[in-house]
Amino acid sequence: MNQSPQIIHYFLDSMVYACEKILKYTQTVTYEQFLTDGFLRDAVERNFLLLGESANKIPYTIQKKNKAIPWSSMYRLRNRIVHEFYDVDPEMLWCIIRNDMEKNKNALIDMRNHPLPLTPKDKLRRR
């Protein structure tokens, strides 16, 4: 399935928006509050799902040219939340939020603001 720049930008925008929401939801809470607030954890996990699903929609050739973004890790985390929801480590999520989320968001914004080098061969990555 070939992707147009508009569709790819849509998914990049979705990823940026998910990052922003995760950061916004967690900016004023402690890890202990994150652990005990089920609504907050549900909201954060849902945005990690959106992040991973959108990452999977970016063509592999584009992903390879933007190695600063952990594409496959995002998708694997999405799979973990969906399929092993009973075993999602909140400490792992918290570490991602505190250590990686801002730089991932900035890398996505930077990528979004530059022309995408698409070729007719650009296809969705199949896992």
N, C-alpha and C. Protein backbone atom coordinates (compact mmCIF):
# COMPACT_ATOMS: atom_id res chain seq x y z
N MET A 1 0.85 -1.18 0.00
CA MET A 1 0.00 0.00 0.00
C MET A 1 0.89 1.24 0.00
N ASN A 2 0.85 1.98 -1.07
CA ASN A 2 1.63 3.21 -1.14
C ASN A 2 0.99 4.28 -0.27
N GLN A 3 1.83 5.15 0.25
CA GLN A 3 1.38 6.20 1.15
C GLN A 3 1.64 7.57 0.53
N SER A 4 0.68 8.45 0.63
CA SER A 4 0.88 9.82 0.17
C SER A 4 1.50 10.63 1.32
N PRO A 5 2.16 11.73 0.99
CA PRO A 5 2.71 12.58 2.06
C PRO A 5 1.63 13.05 3.05
N GLN A 6 0.43 13.30 2.56
CA GLN A 6 -0.64 13.76 3.44
C GLN A 6 -1.01 12.69 4.48
N ILE A 7 -1.06 11.44 4.05
CA ILE A 7 -1.40 10.36 4.97
C ILE A 7 -0.27 10.18 6.00
N ILE A 8 0.95 10.23 5.53
CA ILE A 8 2.08 10.09 6.45
C ILE A 8 2.10 11.24 7.44
N HIS A 9 1.85 12.45 6.98
CA HIS A 9 1.81 13.60 7.89
C HIS A 9 0.67 13.46 8.90
N TYR A 10 -0.45 12.89 8.46
CA TYR A 10 -1.55 12.65 9.40
C TYR A 10 -1.09 11.75 10.55
N PHE A 11 -0.39 10.66 10.21
CA PHE A 11 0.07 9.75 11.26
C PHE A 11 1.17 10.38 12.11
N LEU A 12 2.04 11.17 11.50
CA LEU A 12 3.05 11.88 12.29
C LEU A 12 2.38 12.86 13.25
N ASP A 13 1.39 13.59 12.76
CA ASP A 13 0.65 14.51 13.63
C ASP A 13 -0.02 13.76 14.78
N SER A 14 -0.58 12.59 14.48
CA SER A 14 -1.22 11.77 15.51
C SER A 14 -0.20 11.36 16.57
N MET A 15 0.99 11.05 16.13
CA MET A 15 2.05 10.65 17.07
C MET A 15 2.47 11.83 17.95
N VAL A 16 2.63 12.99 17.35
CA VAL A 16 3.01 14.18 18.12
C VAL A 16 1.92 14.48 19.14
N TYR A 17 0.67 14.42 18.71
CA TYR A 17 -0.45 14.72 19.59
C TYR A 17 -0.50 13.73 20.76
N ALA A 18 -0.25 12.45 20.50
CA ALA A 18 -0.24 11.45 21.58
C ALA A 18 0.89 11.75 22.57
N CYS A 19 2.06 12.10 22.07
CA CYS A 19 3.18 12.47 22.95
C CYS A 19 2.82 13.67 23.81
N GLU A 20 2.23 14.67 23.18
CA GLU A 20 1.86 15.88 23.92
C GLU A 20 0.86 15.58 25.02
N LYS A 21 -0.12 14.73 24.72
CA LYS A 21 -1.12 14.40 25.73
C LYS A 21 -0.49 13.62 26.89
N ILE A 22 0.37 12.67 26.58
CA ILE A 22 1.03 11.91 27.65
C ILE A 22 1.82 12.86 28.54
N LEU A 23 2.58 13.77 27.92
CA LEU A 23 3.37 14.72 28.70
C LEU A 23 2.48 15.64 29.53
N LYS A 24 1.40 16.10 28.93
CA LYS A 24 0.47 16.99 29.65
C LYS A 24 -0.16 16.27 30.83
N TYR A 25 -0.62 15.05 30.62
CA TYR A 25 -1.29 14.31 31.68
C TYR A 25 -0.37 14.00 32.85
N THR A 26 0.92 13.88 32.59
CA THR A 26 1.84 13.43 33.64
C THR A 26 2.77 14.53 34.17
N GLN A 27 2.63 15.74 33.66
CA GLN A 27 3.61 16.77 34.02
C GLN A 27 3.58 17.17 35.49
N THR A 28 2.44 17.07 36.14
CA THR A 28 2.35 17.55 37.52
C THR A 28 2.12 16.42 38.52
N VAL A 29 2.32 15.18 38.10
CA VAL A 29 2.09 14.06 39.02
C VAL A 29 3.39 13.34 39.35
N THR A 30 3.39 12.71 40.49
CA THR A 30 4.53 11.89 40.89
C THR A 30 4.30 10.47 40.39
N TYR A 31 5.33 9.67 40.48
CA TYR A 31 5.20 8.27 40.10
C TYR A 31 4.16 7.57 40.99
N GLU A 32 4.15 7.89 42.26
CA GLU A 32 3.19 7.28 43.17
C GLU A 32 1.76 7.64 42.78
N GLN A 33 1.52 8.88 42.37
CA GLN A 33 0.20 9.28 41.89
C GLN A 33 -0.16 8.54 40.60
N PHE A 34 0.82 8.40 39.72
CA PHE A 34 0.61 7.67 38.48
C PHE A 34 0.20 6.22 38.78
N LEU A 35 0.85 5.61 39.75
CA LEU A 35 0.54 4.23 40.12
C LEU A 35 -0.89 4.06 40.63
N THR A 36 -1.35 5.03 41.39
CA THR A 36 -2.64 4.87 42.06
C THR A 36 -3.83 5.46 41.30
N ASP A 37 -3.58 6.24 40.26
CA ASP A 37 -4.68 6.87 39.52
C ASP A 37 -5.00 6.04 38.27
N GLY A 38 -6.01 5.20 38.38
CA GLY A 38 -6.38 4.32 37.28
C GLY A 38 -6.81 5.07 36.03
N PHE A 39 -7.51 6.18 36.20
CA PHE A 39 -7.94 6.96 35.03
C PHE A 39 -6.73 7.52 34.28
N LEU A 40 -5.77 8.01 35.04
CA LEU A 40 -4.56 8.57 34.43
C LEU A 40 -3.79 7.48 33.68
N ARG A 41 -3.61 6.34 34.30
CA ARG A 41 -2.88 5.25 33.63
C ARG A 41 -3.62 4.80 32.39
N ASP A 42 -4.94 4.71 32.46
CA ASP A 42 -5.72 4.33 31.27
C ASP A 42 -5.51 5.34 30.14
N ALA A 43 -5.54 6.64 30.47
CA ALA A 43 -5.35 7.68 29.46
C ALA A 43 -3.96 7.62 28.85
N VAL A 44 -2.97 7.40 29.68
CA VAL A 44 -1.58 7.32 29.20
C VAL A 44 -1.41 6.09 28.32
N GLU A 45 -1.92 4.95 28.77
CA GLU A 45 -1.80 3.73 27.98
C GLU A 45 -2.51 3.87 26.64
N ARG A 46 -3.67 4.51 26.61
CA ARG A 46 -4.37 4.70 25.34
C ARG A 46 -3.54 5.53 24.37
N ASN A 47 -2.86 6.53 24.87
CA ASN A 47 -2.03 7.35 23.99
C ASN A 47 -0.78 6.62 23.54
N PHE A 48 -0.25 5.73 24.38
CA PHE A 48 0.83 4.86 23.92
C PHE A 48 0.33 3.93 22.80
N LEU A 49 -0.91 3.48 22.91
CA LEU A 49 -1.50 2.67 21.84
C LEU A 49 -1.56 3.45 20.53
N LEU A 50 -2.05 4.68 20.60
CA LEU A 50 -2.14 5.52 19.40
C LEU A 50 -0.77 5.79 18.81
N LEU A 51 0.18 6.02 19.67
CA LEU A 51 1.56 6.27 19.24
C LEU A 51 2.10 5.06 18.48
N GLY A 52 1.94 3.89 19.04
CA GLY A 52 2.46 2.68 18.41
C GLY A 52 1.73 2.32 17.13
N GLU A 53 0.42 2.47 17.13
CA GLU A 53 -0.34 2.15 15.92
C GLU A 53 0.01 3.10 14.79
N SER A 54 0.16 4.37 15.09
CA SER A 54 0.54 5.34 14.07
C SER A 54 1.96 5.09 13.57
N ALA A 55 2.85 4.71 14.48
CA ALA A 55 4.23 4.40 14.08
C ALA A 55 4.25 3.28 13.05
N ASN A 56 3.36 2.34 13.21
CA ASN A 56 3.29 1.20 12.29
C ASN A 56 2.79 1.60 10.91
N LYS A 57 2.19 2.76 10.79
CA LYS A 57 1.66 3.23 9.51
C LYS A 57 2.69 4.02 8.69
N ILE A 58 3.83 4.31 9.29
CA ILE A 58 4.88 5.05 8.58
C ILE A 58 5.67 4.06 7.74
N PRO A 59 5.85 4.33 6.45
CA PRO A 59 6.59 3.38 5.60
C PRO A 59 7.99 3.10 6.14
N TYR A 60 8.39 1.86 5.98
CA TYR A 60 9.69 1.42 6.49
C TYR A 60 10.84 2.24 5.92
N THR A 61 10.77 2.62 4.66
CA THR A 61 11.85 3.40 4.06
C THR A 61 11.99 4.76 4.75
N ILE A 62 10.88 5.32 5.19
CA ILE A 62 10.90 6.59 5.92
C ILE A 62 11.45 6.35 7.33
N GLN A 63 11.03 5.26 7.95
CA GLN A 63 11.54 4.93 9.28
C GLN A 63 13.06 4.78 9.27
N LYS A 64 13.57 4.10 8.25
CA LYS A 64 15.02 3.87 8.17
C LYS A 64 15.79 5.18 8.07
N LYS A 65 15.17 6.20 7.48
CA LYS A 65 15.85 7.49 7.32
C LYS A 65 15.72 8.36 8.56
N ASN A 66 14.95 7.92 9.54
CA ASN A 66 14.72 8.69 10.77
C ASN A 66 14.96 7.78 11.97
N LYS A 67 16.21 7.42 12.15
CA LYS A 67 16.58 6.43 13.16
C LYS A 67 16.53 6.97 14.59
N ALA A 68 16.36 8.27 14.77
CA ALA A 68 16.27 8.83 16.11
C ALA A 68 14.95 8.45 16.79
N ILE A 69 14.00 8.00 16.01
CA ILE A 69 12.69 7.64 16.53
C ILE A 69 12.64 6.11 16.69
N PRO A 70 12.27 5.62 17.87
CA PRO A 70 12.25 4.17 18.11
C PRO A 70 10.98 3.51 17.58
N TRP A 71 10.86 3.44 16.28
CA TRP A 71 9.63 2.96 15.61
C TRP A 71 9.18 1.60 16.12
N SER A 72 10.07 0.63 16.04
CA SER A 72 9.65 -0.73 16.40
C SER A 72 9.39 -0.85 17.90
N SER A 73 10.10 -0.11 18.72
CA SER A 73 9.83 -0.13 20.16
C SER A 73 8.45 0.43 20.47
N MET A 74 8.07 1.47 19.73
CA MET A 74 6.73 2.04 19.92
C MET A 74 5.65 1.02 19.57
N TYR A 75 5.87 0.32 18.46
CA TYR A 75 4.87 -0.66 18.04
C TYR A 75 4.86 -1.88 18.98
N ARG A 76 6.03 -2.29 19.43
CA ARG A 76 6.08 -3.41 20.37
C ARG A 76 5.39 -3.07 21.69
N LEU A 77 5.56 -1.83 22.15
CA LEU A 77 4.88 -1.40 23.37
C LEU A 77 3.37 -1.41 23.15
N ARG A 78 2.93 -0.96 22.01
CA ARG A 78 1.51 -1.01 21.66
C ARG A 78 1.01 -2.45 21.75
N ASN A 79 1.74 -3.37 21.18
CA ASN A 79 1.34 -4.78 21.22
C ASN A 79 1.29 -5.30 22.66
N ARG A 80 2.24 -4.90 23.44
CA ARG A 80 2.28 -5.34 24.84
C ARG A 80 1.05 -4.85 25.58
N ILE A 81 0.69 -3.59 25.38
CA ILE A 81 -0.48 -3.03 26.07
C ILE A 81 -1.75 -3.72 25.60
N VAL A 82 -1.85 -3.99 24.31
CA VAL A 82 -3.06 -4.61 23.77
C VAL A 82 -3.17 -6.08 24.16
N HIS A 83 -2.11 -6.83 23.98
CA HIS A 83 -2.19 -8.28 24.11
C HIS A 83 -1.78 -8.81 25.48
N GLU A 84 -0.99 -8.04 26.20
CA GLU A 84 -0.56 -8.47 27.53
C GLU A 84 -0.88 -7.38 28.55
N PHE A 85 -2.10 -6.85 28.44
CA PHE A 85 -2.54 -5.73 29.26
C PHE A 85 -2.41 -6.00 30.75
N TYR A 86 -2.47 -7.25 31.13
CA TYR A 86 -2.37 -7.64 32.54
C TYR A 86 -0.93 -7.57 33.04
N ASP A 87 0.02 -7.35 32.13
CA ASP A 87 1.43 -7.40 32.50
C ASP A 87 2.19 -6.16 32.01
N VAL A 88 1.53 -5.01 31.99
CA VAL A 88 2.19 -3.77 31.58
C VAL A 88 2.84 -3.17 32.82
N ASP A 89 4.12 -2.95 32.73
CA ASP A 89 4.90 -2.44 33.85
C ASP A 89 4.77 -0.92 33.93
N PRO A 90 4.10 -0.39 34.95
CA PRO A 90 3.95 1.06 35.05
C PRO A 90 5.28 1.79 35.21
N GLU A 91 6.26 1.13 35.83
CA GLU A 91 7.57 1.76 35.98
C GLU A 91 8.24 1.95 34.62
N MET A 92 8.07 0.98 33.73
CA MET A 92 8.61 1.10 32.37
C MET A 92 7.95 2.28 31.65
N LEU A 93 6.63 2.39 31.76
CA LEU A 93 5.93 3.52 31.12
C LEU A 93 6.44 4.84 31.68
N TRP A 94 6.57 4.90 32.99
CA TRP A 94 7.03 6.12 33.64
C TRP A 94 8.44 6.50 33.18
N CYS A 95 9.31 5.52 33.05
CA CYS A 95 10.67 5.79 32.57
C CYS A 95 10.65 6.32 31.13
N ILE A 96 9.81 5.75 30.30
CA ILE A 96 9.70 6.23 28.92
C ILE A 96 9.21 7.68 28.92
N ILE A 97 8.20 7.95 29.75
CA ILE A 97 7.64 9.30 29.81
C ILE A 97 8.71 10.29 30.26
N ARG A 98 9.41 9.98 31.33
CA ARG A 98 10.38 10.92 31.90
C ARG A 98 11.68 11.02 31.11
N ASN A 99 12.09 9.94 30.44
CA ASN A 99 13.40 9.93 29.80
C ASN A 99 13.37 10.10 28.28
N ASP A 100 12.28 9.69 27.63
CA ASP A 100 12.29 9.63 26.17
C ASP A 100 11.18 10.41 25.47
N MET A 101 10.09 10.67 26.15
CA MET A 101 8.91 11.21 25.47
C MET A 101 9.17 12.57 24.82
N GLU A 102 9.81 13.46 25.53
CA GLU A 102 10.05 14.80 24.99
C GLU A 102 10.96 14.76 23.76
N LYS A 103 12.05 13.99 23.84
CA LYS A 103 12.95 13.93 22.68
C LYS A 103 12.28 13.22 21.50
N ASN A 104 11.45 12.20 21.77
CA ASN A 104 10.72 11.55 20.67
C ASN A 104 9.74 12.52 20.02
N LYS A 105 9.04 13.29 20.85
CA LYS A 105 8.11 14.28 20.32
C LYS A 105 8.84 15.29 19.45
N ASN A 106 9.98 15.78 19.92
CA ASN A 106 10.74 16.77 19.16
C ASN A 106 11.27 16.18 17.85
N ALA A 107 11.70 14.93 17.88
CA ALA A 107 12.18 14.28 16.65
C ALA A 107 11.03 14.12 15.65
N LEU A 108 9.84 13.81 16.15
CA LEU A 108 8.68 13.69 15.26
C LEU A 108 8.28 15.04 14.67
N ILE A 109 8.34 16.08 15.48
CA ILE A 109 8.03 17.42 14.98
C ILE A 109 9.04 17.83 13.92
N ASP A 110 10.31 17.57 14.19
CA ASP A 110 11.35 17.90 13.22
C ASP A 110 11.12 17.14 11.91
N MET A 111 10.81 15.88 12.03
CA MET A 111 10.53 15.07 10.85
C MET A 111 9.31 15.61 10.10
N ARG A 112 8.29 15.99 10.84
CA ARG A 112 7.04 16.49 10.24
C ARG A 112 7.28 17.80 9.50
N ASN A 113 8.24 18.60 9.95
CA ASN A 113 8.48 19.91 9.37
C ASN A 113 9.43 19.89 8.17
N HIS A 114 9.89 18.71 7.79
CA HIS A 114 10.77 18.58 6.63
C HIS A 114 10.10 17.73 5.57
N PRO A 115 10.41 17.98 4.32
CA PRO A 115 9.79 17.18 3.25
C PRO A 115 10.15 15.70 3.40
N LEU A 116 9.17 14.88 3.12
CA LEU A 116 9.39 13.44 3.20
C LEU A 116 9.94 12.92 1.88
N PRO A 117 11.05 12.21 1.92
CA PRO A 117 11.66 11.68 0.69
C PRO A 117 10.95 10.40 0.24
N LEU A 118 9.75 10.53 -0.29
CA LEU A 118 8.98 9.36 -0.71
C LEU A 118 9.38 8.91 -2.11
N THR A 119 9.35 7.63 -2.28
CA THR A 119 9.55 7.03 -3.59
C THR A 119 8.36 6.12 -3.87
N PRO A 120 8.17 5.70 -5.12
CA PRO A 120 7.05 4.79 -5.39
C PRO A 120 7.13 3.47 -4.63
N LYS A 121 8.30 3.13 -4.13
CA LYS A 121 8.46 1.87 -3.40
C LYS A 121 8.06 1.96 -1.94
N ASP A 122 7.77 3.18 -1.45
CA ASP A 122 7.45 3.33 -0.04
C ASP A 122 6.20 2.56 0.31
N LYS A 123 6.37 1.62 1.20
CA LYS A 123 5.27 0.75 1.62
C LYS A 123 5.22 0.70 3.13
N LEU A 124 4.08 0.30 3.63
CA LEU A 124 3.96 0.06 5.07
C LEU A 124 4.88 -1.07 5.47
N ARG A 125 5.43 -0.93 6.64
CA ARG A 125 6.29 -1.98 7.17
C ARG A 125 5.40 -3.13 7.66
N ARG A 126 5.76 -4.31 7.26
CA ARG A 126 5.03 -5.50 7.71
C ARG A 126 5.88 -6.21 8.75
N ARG A 127 5.30 -6.48 9.88
CA ARG A 127 6.02 -7.13 10.97
C ARG A 127 5.71 -8.59 11.00
